[in-house]
Structures are given as C-alpha cells and as structure tokens.
Amino acid sequence: MSVERRKFLKLAGLTAIGVAGGLSAKALAQEAGLVDTAAATVGDTAETPSSPLRAKRWAMVIDVKKCREAGNCTECQKACHLVHNVPEFDNPKDEVKWIWREPFGNAFHDQEHEHLPEDVKHTMTPVLCNHCDNPPCVRVCPTQATWKREQDGIVMMDWHRCIGCRYCVAACPYGSRSFNWRDPRPHIKKIQADFPTRTRGVVEKCTFCEERLVRGQLPACVTACKAGAMKIGDLEDPDSEVRKLLAERFSVRRKPALGTQPEVYYVL
C-alpha cells in the first residue's frame, strides 16, 4: 500500500472518529500529518478577525528598505508556497512560483541609474502577480479561466477552466504566471489538505490569498513577514494603512509605462 493511500485511509478513519467527537476537519488533518503545522498556524493569530476581510480595491505595499534590513529573507515566499501547494522542481525550466525575489535592478530596470546606492541596487525584492487594474492576461484568455473580480479587483484563476493555452503567460509582462509542464503533485513536500493541488497543463499564480481573506485572515506572505515589510489594504479607503504609506513615502510600480496599472507598490 502506498504512503498516500495509507494517509487517506488514516484521515478517513480519523474523520469518522472526529465527527463523533466534535473535532474539526483541520485538527483531524493535522493529527493525520496531512497538514503542515507551520502552514496551519500562518495567520492564526489572536488579532485575526473571523469575519471576511473586504476592500473595494485590494492593493499591496512592499517596503524595500525593510526587506533589505531584514537580510533579504525568504519567509514570505516559503509561507506562500507552503499554504498553496506550490511544487518544488529541481529543474529551473519547470519552476512554478507565486512569489519570488528579483534583484532591484532587474525588477525595476526602468528605475535604475548609475548613482543608485549599491545596497538598493542589490536588494532582493519580492515580486508577485500585480493584480493590475488593466490586466492583459485577462483579455487574452479564451475560456475566461482568469478574470478581474469586480468587487475588489483581485485577478482570479479557475484552474478547472484553464486549457493550458498559455496565452496569459505570454501576455503578462511581469512573468507572474507559471505553467505546469509536469504533474506538480509528486513534487509538493507536504500537501495542505485545505487548498487544491493543480495538474499538468494548468497555469497558476498568486491570487492575493483570496481564500484566506474570506476567512478573515491576511495573506500568508503578509503574516509570515516578521519585518512588517508587506502590507495589504483597501486602496479606496483614505484611512487604510496602504493609502497612508503611499502618501508618506515615495513609491514605484513595475513597468508603469505599459499602462497595466499594477496594484502592488514598492516604497523605497
């Protein structure tokens, strides 16, 4: 009997016991070892509200200086990929990424100049889907597997509708979409039971953790950032933290000349 089959049978048995004993599915999955404890606790903080987090226009602000002062750590990336069942391949050609890091000069080549301080130039900057106001990826999708959500601007994905044409991959000027050239499931270190896995031939990307926002939790990357370098909030609310940061600090966006109107901002 395979390890996965044994895990499934173990979870099924625990579920029956748990129903009788009033235990939650999440607790049962943790008991069965199917849910990573670290991932399960991301965002489960005392201050996390239980009602859904809502915004008229979600936006993220990343403090590049705080990233640099924190030693360019990778906690945001680890947390995101862990909770979203992002596979790890040993071949860069097959890499799947929701959030990753780029040297500042690569991410913002239109901002670079010869007098830019060396520490800024070499800062490893977190980059992800920009959830653009004018997303070119949405316009080219023939099956509407990706769309901009009207109520809050998040650029969504429906993996069941994706036919793997990769038009969206070609259209995104930020390289924010990944295509599963191989079955990703055998390459996931520990599957999180409360988030779907994908299959070969499907495109995926960051969704601003919409599944966590609806549970009243902040995105995994925001919660995991001990330096407080990542903030998410309502761009339409003048009293939101993101609006205050953008009012107080100089900010840049990736490739603004393209007219995509990215909603991920970087303060310097």
Foldseek 3Di string as FASTA:
>chain_A
DDPVVVLVVQLVVLVVVCVVVVHDSQVSCVVSVQADPVLVCQQVDPPQDQAFAFAQAKFKEFELVLCLVVVVDCQLQVNQCRNALQFDDPDPVQHFGAKDWDFQCVQAVVPDDPPPDPSNRGRTHIDHALLFPQQQLQVPQPQSQWDQDNRHSFTDGNQVRQQLPCPSCVRDPRNRKGARQAARNVRRPRHHPVHDGHGHSTMDYDRQPSVQSNRRGGDSSCSRPPSNRMDMDHPVDCPDPVNVCVVPFPWDDGPVVVVRHGRYIYGD
